[in-house]
Structure formats: structure tokens, C-alpha cells
């Protein structure tokens, strides 16, 4: 079992309440999915991407994938430096902050 303190600090539970009568089609479909959490995350990320802009998570992953060395976790100061180095002509996410970039980077490194 995972570390409860770390779990509380690093995760957020989001539930979905479905009605057996009015949402039966959704319930039936979800019951066919092996990895429901991954499926829902993929749908949400695809929806976020529809505006044509890269998500902060995708931006972090691109930086990690293109790193010259094996990247590790970053702190807030490093995240701010990376944002300063980014091409401002690139279509960056509107909600990009050092905090959001650091979180996305470190989540990607953790896997």
C-alpha cells in the first residue's frame, strides 16, 4: 500500500455519479473499458487539446523527450527558467505558470 501522506499531498479524488436510468448507455460503455481511469484521462486531455494548443503536460513531456541528458525532477526556480527560455512565438498554453509547468514535469518524470 502507498504512503498515505504522500497520496494525500499528490493526488485529488474526482468522482462521477451516474444514474442507472438516465445514464445507462454511459454505464454500459464504461463497463467495457479495462482501464477506466486512463480512458477518462485520455478523453479529457483530447478535449483540452481541441483548441489547437499544447497542454502544459504535453509541453513538459516535449522538453523532457528533447533533453540532452536524462532529466530528473525540477523545482520552481528551474521551471521558471525553462519558461523564460521558451519560444514566445510558440502557441504556449494560456494557463502556463512556473507552478503548473513544474507539476506537469514532475508528474511526467514520476510516470
N, C-alpha and C. Protein backbone atom coordinates (compact mmCIF):
# COMPACT_ATOMS: atom_id res chain seq x y z
N UNK A 1 0.83 -1.18 0.00
CA UNK A 1 0.00 0.00 0.00
C UNK A 1 0.88 1.25 0.00
N UNK A 2 0.46 2.28 -0.72
CA UNK A 2 1.25 3.50 -0.84
C UNK A 2 1.28 4.31 0.45
N UNK A 3 2.13 5.28 0.44
CA UNK A 3 2.27 6.18 1.58
C UNK A 3 1.07 7.12 1.61
N UNK A 4 0.26 7.05 2.69
CA UNK A 4 -0.97 7.83 2.79
C UNK A 4 -0.70 9.32 2.74
N UNK A 5 0.33 9.79 3.45
CA UNK A 5 0.66 11.21 3.48
C UNK A 5 1.02 11.70 2.08
N UNK A 6 1.84 10.95 1.37
CA UNK A 6 2.23 11.32 0.01
C UNK A 6 1.02 11.29 -0.91
N UNK A 7 0.15 10.31 -0.73
CA UNK A 7 -1.04 10.19 -1.56
C UNK A 7 -1.95 11.41 -1.36
N UNK A 8 -2.15 11.82 -0.12
CA UNK A 8 -2.99 12.99 0.16
C UNK A 8 -2.39 14.25 -0.43
N UNK A 9 -1.07 14.36 -0.38
CA UNK A 9 -0.39 15.55 -0.87
C UNK A 9 -0.40 15.63 -2.40
N UNK A 10 -0.27 14.49 -3.07
CA UNK A 10 -0.04 14.47 -4.52
C UNK A 10 -1.24 14.07 -5.37
N UNK A 11 -2.35 13.74 -4.76
CA UNK A 11 -3.49 13.30 -5.56
C UNK A 11 -4.76 14.04 -5.18
N UNK A 12 -5.71 13.98 -6.07
CA UNK A 12 -7.03 14.55 -5.82
C UNK A 12 -8.04 13.58 -6.36
N UNK A 13 -9.01 13.19 -5.53
CA UNK A 13 -10.07 12.28 -5.97
C UNK A 13 -11.18 13.08 -6.64
N UNK A 14 -11.60 12.62 -7.82
CA UNK A 14 -12.72 13.22 -8.52
C UNK A 14 -13.67 12.08 -8.86
N UNK A 15 -14.87 12.13 -8.33
CA UNK A 15 -15.85 11.06 -8.56
C UNK A 15 -16.84 11.43 -9.66
N UNK A 16 -17.52 10.42 -10.13
CA UNK A 16 -18.53 10.61 -11.17
C UNK A 16 -19.75 9.79 -10.77
N UNK A 17 -20.85 10.46 -10.52
CA UNK A 17 -22.09 9.79 -10.10
C UNK A 17 -22.98 9.65 -11.34
N UNK A 18 -23.32 8.41 -11.68
CA UNK A 18 -24.15 8.15 -12.85
C UNK A 18 -25.49 7.55 -12.42
N UNK A 19 -26.55 7.96 -13.09
CA UNK A 19 -27.89 7.46 -12.82
C UNK A 19 -28.14 6.21 -13.65
N UNK A 20 -28.55 5.12 -13.01
CA UNK A 20 -28.77 3.85 -13.73
C UNK A 20 -29.85 3.97 -14.81
N UNK A 21 -30.77 4.91 -14.66
CA UNK A 21 -31.85 5.07 -15.64
C UNK A 21 -31.45 6.01 -16.77
N UNK A 22 -31.01 7.19 -16.43
CA UNK A 22 -30.74 8.19 -17.48
C UNK A 22 -29.34 8.07 -18.07
N UNK A 23 -28.42 7.39 -17.39
CA UNK A 23 -27.04 7.26 -17.87
C UNK A 23 -26.67 5.81 -18.18
N UNK A 24 -27.65 4.98 -18.39
CA UNK A 24 -27.38 3.55 -18.59
C UNK A 24 -26.47 3.29 -19.79
N UNK A 25 -26.59 4.10 -20.83
CA UNK A 25 -25.73 3.92 -22.00
C UNK A 25 -24.26 4.19 -21.64
N UNK A 26 -24.03 5.21 -20.84
CA UNK A 26 -22.67 5.52 -20.41
C UNK A 26 -22.13 4.42 -19.51
N UNK A 27 -22.96 3.95 -18.59
CA UNK A 27 -22.55 2.88 -17.67
C UNK A 27 -22.17 1.63 -18.46
N UNK A 28 -23.01 1.24 -19.42
CA UNK A 28 -22.72 0.05 -20.24
C UNK A 28 -21.39 0.21 -20.97
N UNK A 29 -21.17 1.39 -21.54
CA UNK A 29 -19.93 1.62 -22.29
C UNK A 29 -18.72 1.56 -21.36
N UNK A 30 -18.80 2.22 -20.22
CA UNK A 30 -17.66 2.23 -19.30
C UNK A 30 -17.34 0.84 -18.77
N UNK A 31 -18.34 0.00 -18.64
CA UNK A 31 -18.11 -1.37 -18.17
C UNK A 31 -17.32 -2.21 -19.16
N UNK A 32 -17.20 -1.75 -20.41
CA UNK A 32 -16.42 -2.49 -21.40
C UNK A 32 -14.95 -2.05 -21.41
N UNK A 33 -14.63 -1.00 -20.68
CA UNK A 33 -13.28 -0.42 -20.68
C UNK A 33 -12.44 -1.06 -19.59
N UNK A 34 -11.26 -1.59 -19.97
CA UNK A 34 -10.37 -2.22 -18.99
C UNK A 34 -9.78 -1.20 -18.01
N UNK A 35 -9.29 -0.09 -18.53
CA UNK A 35 -8.65 0.93 -17.70
C UNK A 35 -9.50 2.20 -17.77
N UNK A 36 -10.53 2.25 -16.93
CA UNK A 36 -11.48 3.35 -16.97
C UNK A 36 -10.81 4.69 -16.66
N UNK A 37 -9.92 4.71 -15.67
CA UNK A 37 -9.26 5.95 -15.30
C UNK A 37 -8.41 6.48 -16.45
N UNK A 38 -7.62 5.61 -17.06
CA UNK A 38 -6.79 6.02 -18.19
C UNK A 38 -7.64 6.48 -19.36
N UNK A 39 -8.73 5.78 -19.61
CA UNK A 39 -9.66 6.13 -20.69
C UNK A 39 -10.23 7.53 -20.48
N UNK A 40 -10.70 7.81 -19.28
CA UNK A 40 -11.28 9.12 -18.99
C UNK A 40 -10.23 10.23 -19.06
N UNK A 41 -9.03 9.95 -18.55
CA UNK A 41 -7.95 10.95 -18.64
C UNK A 41 -7.63 11.26 -20.10
N UNK A 42 -7.56 10.21 -20.94
CA UNK A 42 -7.26 10.42 -22.36
C UNK A 42 -8.35 11.26 -23.03
N UNK A 43 -9.62 11.00 -22.70
CA UNK A 43 -10.72 11.79 -23.27
C UNK A 43 -10.62 13.26 -22.85
N UNK A 44 -10.33 13.48 -21.59
CA UNK A 44 -10.23 14.86 -21.09
C UNK A 44 -9.06 15.58 -21.75
N UNK A 45 -7.91 14.89 -21.85
CA UNK A 45 -6.75 15.53 -22.48
C UNK A 45 -7.01 15.82 -23.97
N UNK A 46 -7.72 14.91 -24.64
CA UNK A 46 -8.06 15.14 -26.06
C UNK A 46 -8.98 16.35 -26.17
N UNK A 47 -9.92 16.49 -25.25
CA UNK A 47 -10.81 17.63 -25.25
C UNK A 47 -10.05 18.93 -25.00
N UNK A 48 -9.10 18.89 -24.09
CA UNK A 48 -8.28 20.06 -23.79
C UNK A 48 -7.45 20.47 -25.00
N UNK A 49 -7.04 19.49 -25.79
CA UNK A 49 -6.17 19.73 -26.93
C UNK A 49 -6.93 20.27 -28.14
N UNK A 50 -8.25 20.11 -28.15
CA UNK A 50 -9.06 20.50 -29.31
C UNK A 50 -8.92 21.96 -29.69
N UNK A 51 -8.55 22.80 -28.73
CA UNK A 51 -8.41 24.21 -29.06
C UNK A 51 -7.15 24.48 -29.87
N UNK A 52 -6.40 23.41 -30.17
CA UNK A 52 -5.21 23.53 -31.01
C UNK A 52 -3.95 23.88 -30.25
N UNK A 53 -4.09 24.15 -28.97
CA UNK A 53 -2.93 24.49 -28.17
C UNK A 53 -2.41 23.26 -27.45
N UNK A 54 -1.14 23.26 -27.23
CA UNK A 54 -0.49 22.18 -26.50
C UNK A 54 -0.86 22.32 -25.02
N UNK A 55 -1.11 21.19 -24.36
CA UNK A 55 -1.36 21.25 -22.93
C UNK A 55 -0.03 21.43 -22.20
N UNK A 56 -0.09 21.85 -20.96
CA UNK A 56 1.12 22.03 -20.17
C UNK A 56 1.83 20.68 -20.01
N UNK A 57 1.07 19.63 -19.84
CA UNK A 57 1.66 18.29 -19.71
C UNK A 57 2.41 17.90 -20.99
N UNK A 58 1.82 18.18 -22.15
CA UNK A 58 2.48 17.89 -23.42
C UNK A 58 3.75 18.73 -23.60
N UNK A 59 3.67 19.98 -23.19
CA UNK A 59 4.82 20.86 -23.27
C UNK A 59 5.97 20.32 -22.41
N UNK A 60 5.66 19.92 -21.19
CA UNK A 60 6.68 19.36 -20.30
C UNK A 60 7.26 18.08 -20.89
N UNK A 61 6.38 17.21 -21.42
CA UNK A 61 6.85 15.95 -22.00
C UNK A 61 7.77 16.20 -23.19
N UNK A 62 7.44 17.17 -24.02
CA UNK A 62 8.30 17.51 -25.15
C UNK A 62 9.68 17.97 -24.69
N UNK A 63 9.72 18.79 -23.65
CA UNK A 63 11.00 19.25 -23.12
C UNK A 63 11.80 18.08 -22.55
N UNK A 64 11.12 17.18 -21.87
CA UNK A 64 11.78 16.01 -21.29
C UNK A 64 12.32 15.11 -22.41
N UNK A 65 11.48 14.86 -23.41
CA UNK A 65 11.88 13.99 -24.52
C UNK A 65 13.05 14.56 -25.31
N UNK A 66 13.20 15.87 -25.35
CA UNK A 66 14.26 16.51 -26.12
C UNK A 66 15.46 16.92 -25.29
N UNK A 67 15.49 16.51 -24.02
CA UNK A 67 16.61 16.87 -23.15
C UNK A 67 17.89 16.15 -23.59
N UNK A 68 19.01 16.82 -23.42
CA UNK A 68 20.31 16.25 -23.79
C UNK A 68 20.76 15.16 -22.80
N UNK A 69 20.31 15.28 -21.57
CA UNK A 69 20.65 14.30 -20.54
C UNK A 69 19.37 13.72 -19.97
N UNK A 70 19.51 12.71 -19.15
CA UNK A 70 18.33 12.12 -18.51
C UNK A 70 17.80 13.11 -17.47
N UNK A 71 16.61 13.64 -17.70
CA UNK A 71 16.10 14.66 -16.79
C UNK A 71 15.57 14.06 -15.48
N UNK A 72 15.63 14.86 -14.45
CA UNK A 72 15.07 14.48 -13.16
C UNK A 72 14.00 15.49 -12.77
N UNK A 73 13.61 15.44 -11.52
CA UNK A 73 12.60 16.36 -11.00
C UNK A 73 13.15 17.78 -11.05
N UNK A 74 12.26 18.76 -11.17
CA UNK A 74 12.69 20.16 -11.16
C UNK A 74 11.98 20.91 -10.04
N UNK A 75 12.58 22.03 -9.64
CA UNK A 75 11.97 22.88 -8.64
C UNK A 75 11.35 24.10 -9.33
N UNK A 76 10.72 24.95 -8.54
CA UNK A 76 10.01 26.09 -9.07
C UNK A 76 10.94 27.06 -9.82
N UNK A 77 12.13 27.27 -9.30
CA UNK A 77 13.08 28.18 -9.94
C UNK A 77 13.49 27.67 -11.32
N UNK A 78 13.75 26.37 -11.42
CA UNK A 78 14.12 25.77 -12.70
C UNK A 78 12.96 25.84 -13.69
N UNK A 79 11.74 25.58 -13.21
CA UNK A 79 10.57 25.66 -14.08
C UNK A 79 10.42 27.07 -14.64
N UNK A 80 10.64 28.08 -13.81
CA UNK A 80 10.56 29.47 -14.27
C UNK A 80 11.63 29.76 -15.32
N UNK A 81 12.84 29.23 -15.11
CA UNK A 81 13.91 29.42 -16.10
C UNK A 81 13.54 28.79 -17.43
N UNK A 82 13.01 27.57 -17.39
CA UNK A 82 12.61 26.89 -18.63
C UNK A 82 11.56 27.71 -19.37
N UNK A 83 10.59 28.26 -18.65
CA UNK A 83 9.55 29.06 -19.29
C UNK A 83 10.17 30.30 -19.94
N UNK A 84 11.14 30.91 -19.26
CA UNK A 84 11.84 32.07 -19.84
C UNK A 84 12.55 31.72 -21.14
N UNK A 85 13.05 30.47 -21.24
CA UNK A 85 13.79 30.04 -22.42
C UNK A 85 12.88 29.63 -23.57
N UNK A 86 11.59 29.48 -23.31
CA UNK A 86 10.67 29.00 -24.34
C UNK A 86 10.47 30.06 -25.42
N UNK A 87 10.23 29.56 -26.62
CA UNK A 87 9.97 30.43 -27.77
C UNK A 87 8.60 31.09 -27.57
N UNK A 88 8.59 32.38 -27.38
CA UNK A 88 7.34 33.08 -27.10
C UNK A 88 6.42 33.13 -28.33
N UNK A 89 6.96 32.81 -29.51
CA UNK A 89 6.12 32.74 -30.71
C UNK A 89 5.36 31.42 -30.78
N UNK A 90 5.82 30.44 -30.00
CA UNK A 90 5.14 29.15 -29.95
C UNK A 90 3.77 29.34 -29.31
N UNK A 91 2.82 28.52 -29.69
CA UNK A 91 1.47 28.61 -29.14
C UNK A 91 1.44 27.96 -27.76
N UNK A 92 1.91 28.70 -26.75
CA UNK A 92 2.00 28.16 -25.39
C UNK A 92 0.63 28.18 -24.71
N UNK A 93 0.40 27.25 -23.79
CA UNK A 93 -0.87 27.24 -23.05
C UNK A 93 -1.06 28.55 -22.28
N UNK A 94 -2.28 29.07 -22.30
CA UNK A 94 -2.58 30.33 -21.64
C UNK A 94 -2.40 30.25 -20.12
N UNK A 95 -2.61 29.06 -19.56
CA UNK A 95 -2.54 28.90 -18.11
C UNK A 95 -1.16 28.43 -17.64
N UNK A 96 -0.15 28.60 -18.49
CA UNK A 96 1.20 28.18 -18.15
C UNK A 96 1.79 29.08 -17.06
N UNK A 97 2.19 28.47 -15.96
CA UNK A 97 2.87 29.16 -14.87
C UNK A 97 4.05 28.29 -14.45
N UNK A 98 5.01 28.85 -13.73
CA UNK A 98 6.10 28.00 -13.23
C UNK A 98 5.57 26.84 -12.38
N UNK A 99 4.54 27.10 -11.58
CA UNK A 99 3.97 26.06 -10.74
C UNK A 99 3.34 24.94 -11.57
N UNK A 100 2.56 25.32 -12.59
CA UNK A 100 1.89 24.30 -13.41
C UNK A 100 2.90 23.51 -14.24
N UNK A 101 3.94 24.20 -14.72
CA UNK A 101 4.96 23.51 -15.52
C UNK A 101 5.76 22.55 -14.65
N UNK A 102 6.14 23.00 -13.44
CA UNK A 102 6.87 22.14 -12.52
C UNK A 102 6.05 20.89 -12.19
N UNK A 103 4.77 21.08 -11.90
CA UNK A 103 3.90 19.96 -11.57
C UNK A 103 3.78 18.97 -12.73
N UNK A 104 3.56 19.50 -13.94
CA UNK A 104 3.44 18.64 -15.12
C UNK A 104 4.76 17.89 -15.38
N UNK A 105 5.87 18.59 -15.27
CA UNK A 105 7.19 17.98 -15.48
C UNK A 105 7.41 16.84 -14.49
N UNK A 106 7.23 17.15 -13.21
CA UNK A 106 7.50 16.15 -12.17
C UNK A 106 6.53 14.97 -12.25
N UNK A 107 5.26 15.22 -12.62
CA UNK A 107 4.30 14.12 -12.82
C UNK A 107 4.76 13.22 -13.96
N UNK A 108 5.28 13.83 -15.04
CA UNK A 108 5.75 13.06 -16.19
C UNK A 108 6.97 12.22 -15.80
N UNK A 109 7.88 12.80 -15.03
CA UNK A 109 9.07 12.05 -14.59
C UNK A 109 8.65 10.88 -13.70
N UNK A 110 7.69 11.12 -12.81
CA UNK A 110 7.22 10.04 -11.92
C UNK A 110 6.56 8.91 -12.71
N UNK A 111 6.05 9.25 -13.87
CA UNK A 111 5.40 8.24 -14.71
C UNK A 111 4.02 8.10 -14.34
